[in-house]
Every structure is written in structure tokens, then in C-alpha cells.
């Protein structure tokens, strides 16, 4: 698959036994789920840092798969469309 855009679905973080934190990033496009991993001690981490803190539901471009639904950690992801989260009041009684 060539370079594509997908919706950012969220992230999980796990502590590494070698120190630092692994970030598992999840995306979805046309009902297909994709994932990648970012590790703060790798050279390419700076590319993913802005995506880790992105709002769920935003559109991320510049993605490329290496195998199946695994996104290449060396691609250049970018936020194409931000999502603004509106706050609203809910009454619980």
C-alpha cells in the first residue's frame, strides 16, 4: 500500500524493560485497523511525538505499511485534520 491517511483511534503506553516507554498507536481506515509502535529511545521518535498527543478522531496522513496492517515507524506522519472536542453539561441525578 502506498502512503495513506487514517483516523487516529488512540494510544496505549507500556514501560520498557530497557527503560523508557513504548507507545502503541492505533489507526483506522475503511473499517481496517492499523497500528504502529513508537519508542522514545529510537531516532524516529520525534516523528511520532506530535501524534501521541493528538486528539482521538483526527486524521493522520503520511502513513505507510511495511507488512499487512503494521504501519512503518519510519514514515512521516502528519496531522491533516484536527478534531475539536466540545464540552457540554450533563446532569446526572
N, C-alpha and C. Protein backbone atom coordinates (compact mmCIF):
# COMPACT_ATOMS: atom_id res chain seq x y z
N UNK A 1 0.84 -1.18 0.00
CA UNK A 1 0.00 0.00 0.00
C UNK A 1 0.89 1.25 0.00
N UNK A 2 0.48 2.22 -0.74
CA UNK A 2 1.22 3.48 -0.78
C UNK A 2 0.89 4.33 0.45
N UNK A 3 1.33 5.56 0.42
CA UNK A 3 1.07 6.49 1.53
C UNK A 3 -0.44 6.75 1.61
N UNK A 4 -0.97 6.74 2.83
CA UNK A 4 -2.41 6.92 3.02
C UNK A 4 -2.70 7.74 4.27
N UNK A 5 -3.99 8.08 4.43
CA UNK A 5 -4.48 8.79 5.60
C UNK A 5 -5.38 7.84 6.38
N UNK A 6 -5.43 8.03 7.69
CA UNK A 6 -6.29 7.20 8.53
C UNK A 6 -6.72 8.02 9.75
N UNK A 7 -7.75 7.54 10.43
CA UNK A 7 -8.25 8.19 11.64
C UNK A 7 -7.48 7.67 12.84
N UNK A 8 -7.01 8.59 13.68
CA UNK A 8 -6.28 8.23 14.90
C UNK A 8 -7.28 7.74 15.94
N UNK A 9 -7.10 6.51 16.42
CA UNK A 9 -8.05 5.92 17.36
C UNK A 9 -7.56 5.94 18.81
N UNK A 10 -6.28 6.21 19.02
CA UNK A 10 -5.79 6.28 20.39
C UNK A 10 -4.44 5.61 20.56
N UNK A 11 -4.03 5.53 21.82
CA UNK A 11 -2.68 5.06 22.13
C UNK A 11 -2.68 4.35 23.48
N UNK A 12 -1.78 3.40 23.60
CA UNK A 12 -1.52 2.74 24.89
C UNK A 12 -0.03 2.89 25.16
N UNK A 13 0.32 3.06 26.42
CA UNK A 13 1.74 3.12 26.73
C UNK A 13 2.11 2.00 27.68
N UNK A 14 3.31 1.48 27.47
CA UNK A 14 3.84 0.39 28.29
C UNK A 14 5.29 0.72 28.65
N UNK A 15 5.66 0.40 29.87
CA UNK A 15 7.05 0.61 30.27
C UNK A 15 7.93 -0.46 29.63
N UNK A 16 9.10 -0.03 29.18
CA UNK A 16 10.04 -0.97 28.59
C UNK A 16 10.94 -1.55 29.68
N UNK A 17 11.31 -2.80 29.51
CA UNK A 17 12.23 -3.40 30.48
C UNK A 17 13.64 -2.83 30.33
N UNK A 18 13.87 -2.08 29.23
CA UNK A 18 15.17 -1.45 28.99
C UNK A 18 15.16 0.02 29.38
N UNK A 19 14.10 0.45 30.03
CA UNK A 19 13.94 1.86 30.40
C UNK A 19 13.15 2.59 29.34
N UNK A 20 12.46 3.63 29.73
CA UNK A 20 11.66 4.38 28.78
C UNK A 20 10.26 3.81 28.62
N UNK A 21 9.55 4.33 27.63
CA UNK A 21 8.15 3.96 27.42
C UNK A 21 7.92 3.62 25.95
N UNK A 22 7.19 2.54 25.69
CA UNK A 22 6.71 2.18 24.35
C UNK A 22 5.32 2.77 24.19
N UNK A 23 5.04 3.34 23.03
CA UNK A 23 3.71 3.84 22.71
C UNK A 23 3.16 3.03 21.55
N UNK A 24 2.01 2.40 21.76
CA UNK A 24 1.33 1.68 20.69
C UNK A 24 0.24 2.60 20.16
N UNK A 25 0.30 2.95 18.88
CA UNK A 25 -0.62 3.89 18.28
C UNK A 25 -1.56 3.14 17.34
N UNK A 26 -2.84 3.47 17.42
CA UNK A 26 -3.86 2.76 16.66
C UNK A 26 -4.59 3.70 15.70
N UNK A 27 -4.85 3.20 14.49
CA UNK A 27 -5.48 3.97 13.44
C UNK A 27 -6.55 3.10 12.77
N UNK A 28 -7.44 3.75 12.01
CA UNK A 28 -8.45 3.00 11.28
C UNK A 28 -8.75 3.71 9.96
N UNK A 29 -8.91 2.91 8.91
CA UNK A 29 -9.29 3.43 7.59
C UNK A 29 -10.19 2.41 6.92
N UNK A 30 -11.35 2.84 6.47
CA UNK A 30 -12.30 1.97 5.78
C UNK A 30 -12.59 0.68 6.55
N UNK A 31 -12.70 0.80 7.88
CA UNK A 31 -13.02 -0.35 8.72
C UNK A 31 -11.84 -1.26 9.02
N UNK A 32 -10.67 -0.95 8.47
CA UNK A 32 -9.46 -1.76 8.73
C UNK A 32 -8.64 -1.08 9.81
N UNK A 33 -8.22 -1.85 10.79
CA UNK A 33 -7.44 -1.31 11.91
C UNK A 33 -5.94 -1.46 11.62
N UNK A 34 -5.20 -0.38 11.89
CA UNK A 34 -3.76 -0.35 11.70
C UNK A 34 -3.11 0.00 13.02
N UNK A 35 -1.83 -0.34 13.15
CA UNK A 35 -1.10 0.02 14.38
C UNK A 35 0.37 0.23 14.07
N UNK A 36 1.02 0.91 14.99
CA UNK A 36 2.46 1.06 14.95
C UNK A 36 2.95 1.24 16.37
N UNK A 37 4.24 1.25 16.54
CA UNK A 37 4.83 1.40 17.86
C UNK A 37 5.90 2.50 17.79
N UNK A 38 5.92 3.35 18.80
CA UNK A 38 6.95 4.38 18.90
C UNK A 38 7.66 4.19 20.24
N UNK A 39 8.96 4.31 20.23
CA UNK A 39 9.75 4.13 21.45
C UNK A 39 10.64 5.35 21.60
N UNK A 40 10.57 5.96 22.79
CA UNK A 40 11.23 7.24 22.99
C UNK A 40 12.76 7.20 22.87
N UNK A 41 13.34 6.03 22.86
CA UNK A 41 14.80 5.94 22.72
C UNK A 41 15.26 5.69 21.29
N UNK A 42 14.30 5.61 20.35
CA UNK A 42 14.67 5.42 18.94
C UNK A 42 14.77 6.76 18.22
N UNK A 43 15.59 6.80 17.17
CA UNK A 43 15.81 8.04 16.42
C UNK A 43 14.54 8.61 15.80
N UNK A 44 13.61 7.75 15.39
CA UNK A 44 12.42 8.22 14.70
C UNK A 44 11.31 8.68 15.64
N UNK A 45 11.55 8.67 16.94
CA UNK A 45 10.50 9.03 17.90
C UNK A 45 9.99 10.45 17.69
N UNK A 46 10.86 11.38 17.30
CA UNK A 46 10.43 12.77 17.11
C UNK A 46 9.30 12.88 16.09
N UNK A 47 9.25 11.96 15.14
CA UNK A 47 8.18 11.99 14.13
C UNK A 47 6.82 11.66 14.73
N UNK A 48 6.79 10.83 15.74
CA UNK A 48 5.53 10.35 16.32
C UNK A 48 5.09 11.14 17.54
N UNK A 49 5.96 11.95 18.10
CA UNK A 49 5.66 12.65 19.35
C UNK A 49 4.38 13.48 19.24
N UNK A 50 4.21 14.21 18.13
CA UNK A 50 3.01 15.05 17.98
C UNK A 50 1.75 14.20 17.79
N UNK A 51 1.90 13.00 17.26
CA UNK A 51 0.74 12.13 17.05
C UNK A 51 0.29 11.52 18.38
N UNK A 52 1.23 11.19 19.25
CA UNK A 52 0.91 10.60 20.54
C UNK A 52 -0.04 11.49 21.32
N UNK A 53 0.15 12.81 21.25
CA UNK A 53 -0.67 13.75 21.99
C UNK A 53 -1.86 14.28 21.19
N UNK A 54 -2.08 13.76 20.00
CA UNK A 54 -3.19 14.23 19.16
C UNK A 54 -4.53 13.78 19.74
N UNK A 55 -5.58 14.48 19.36
CA UNK A 55 -6.94 14.14 19.79
C UNK A 55 -7.44 12.94 19.01
N UNK A 56 -8.05 12.00 19.71
CA UNK A 56 -8.65 10.85 19.03
C UNK A 56 -9.67 11.33 18.02
N UNK A 57 -9.65 10.73 16.85
CA UNK A 57 -10.59 11.10 15.80
C UNK A 57 -10.00 12.01 14.74
N UNK A 58 -8.82 12.56 14.99
CA UNK A 58 -8.21 13.42 13.97
C UNK A 58 -7.66 12.55 12.83
N UNK A 59 -7.44 13.18 11.69
CA UNK A 59 -6.96 12.47 10.51
C UNK A 59 -5.45 12.62 10.41
N UNK A 60 -4.76 11.51 10.27
CA UNK A 60 -3.31 11.49 10.17
C UNK A 60 -2.92 11.05 8.76
N UNK A 61 -2.05 11.80 8.13
CA UNK A 61 -1.59 11.46 6.79
C UNK A 61 -0.12 11.06 6.81
N UNK A 62 0.38 10.67 5.66
CA UNK A 62 1.78 10.27 5.53
C UNK A 62 2.08 8.88 6.06
N UNK A 63 1.06 8.05 6.23
CA UNK A 63 1.25 6.71 6.77
C UNK A 63 1.55 5.72 5.64
N UNK A 64 2.34 4.71 5.97
CA UNK A 64 2.73 3.69 5.00
C UNK A 64 2.89 2.37 5.77
N UNK A 65 2.40 1.30 5.21
CA UNK A 65 2.52 -0.01 5.87
C UNK A 65 3.79 -0.72 5.42
N UNK A 66 4.37 -1.49 6.34
CA UNK A 66 5.51 -2.33 5.99
C UNK A 66 5.05 -3.76 5.72
N UNK A 67 4.02 -4.20 6.45
CA UNK A 67 3.51 -5.55 6.27
C UNK A 67 2.10 -5.61 6.83
N UNK A 68 1.17 -6.05 6.03
CA UNK A 68 -0.21 -6.16 6.50
C UNK A 68 -0.75 -4.84 6.99
N UNK A 69 -1.13 -4.80 8.26
CA UNK A 69 -1.69 -3.58 8.85
C UNK A 69 -0.71 -2.91 9.81
N UNK A 70 0.56 -3.27 9.71
CA UNK A 70 1.59 -2.66 10.55
C UNK A 70 2.16 -1.43 9.84
N UNK A 71 2.01 -0.27 10.46
CA UNK A 71 2.49 0.99 9.87
C UNK A 71 3.99 1.12 10.12
N UNK A 72 4.70 1.56 9.09
CA UNK A 72 6.14 1.76 9.14
C UNK A 72 6.49 2.86 10.14
N UNK A 73 7.31 2.53 11.11
CA UNK A 73 7.74 3.51 12.11
C UNK A 73 8.62 4.61 11.54
N UNK A 74 9.14 4.40 10.33
CA UNK A 74 10.00 5.40 9.70
C UNK A 74 9.26 6.29 8.70
N UNK A 75 7.94 6.18 8.61
CA UNK A 75 7.21 7.08 7.71
C UNK A 75 7.11 8.45 8.39
N UNK A 76 6.57 9.41 7.68
CA UNK A 76 6.48 10.78 8.20
C UNK A 76 5.02 11.17 8.45
N UNK A 77 4.48 10.80 9.62
CA UNK A 77 3.08 11.10 9.90
C UNK A 77 2.87 12.59 10.13
N UNK A 78 1.70 13.05 9.72
CA UNK A 78 1.35 14.45 9.97
C UNK A 78 -0.14 14.55 10.23
N UNK A 79 -0.50 15.51 11.07
CA UNK A 79 -1.90 15.73 11.38
C UNK A 79 -2.51 16.53 10.23
N UNK A 80 -3.46 15.91 9.52
CA UNK A 80 -4.11 16.53 8.37
C UNK A 80 -5.33 17.34 8.81
N UNK A 81 -6.12 16.75 9.72
CA UNK A 81 -7.35 17.40 10.17
C UNK A 81 -7.50 17.21 11.66
N UNK A 82 -7.49 18.32 12.39
CA UNK A 82 -7.68 18.29 13.84
C UNK A 82 -9.14 18.07 14.19
N UNK A 83 -9.39 17.55 15.36
CA UNK A 83 -10.75 17.41 15.87
C UNK A 83 -10.82 18.23 17.15
N UNK A 84 -11.81 19.10 17.21
CA UNK A 84 -12.03 19.88 18.43
C UNK A 84 -13.08 19.20 19.27
N UNK A 85 -12.75 19.00 20.52
CA UNK A 85 -13.67 18.33 21.43
C UNK A 85 -14.49 19.42 22.13
N UNK A 86 -15.80 19.35 21.96
CA UNK A 86 -16.70 20.29 22.61
C UNK A 86 -17.11 19.75 23.96
N UNK A 87 -17.12 20.63 24.95
CA UNK A 87 -17.56 20.21 26.26
C UNK A 87 -19.01 20.60 26.42
N UNK A 88 -19.77 19.75 27.06
CA UNK A 88 -21.17 20.06 27.30
C UNK A 88 -21.56 19.55 28.67
N UNK A 89 -22.58 20.17 29.25
CA UNK A 89 -23.00 19.85 30.59
C UNK A 89 -23.98 18.68 30.56
N UNK A 90 -23.76 17.74 31.45
CA UNK A 90 -24.69 16.61 31.58
C UNK A 90 -25.13 16.54 33.04
N UNK A 91 -26.42 16.39 33.23
CA UNK A 91 -26.95 16.28 34.60
C UNK A 91 -27.21 14.82 34.92
N UNK A 92 -26.58 14.37 36.00
CA UNK A 92 -26.81 13.01 36.49
C UNK A 92 -27.50 13.09 37.82
N UNK A 93 -28.64 12.45 37.92
CA UNK A 93 -29.39 12.51 39.19
C UNK A 93 -29.63 11.13 39.73
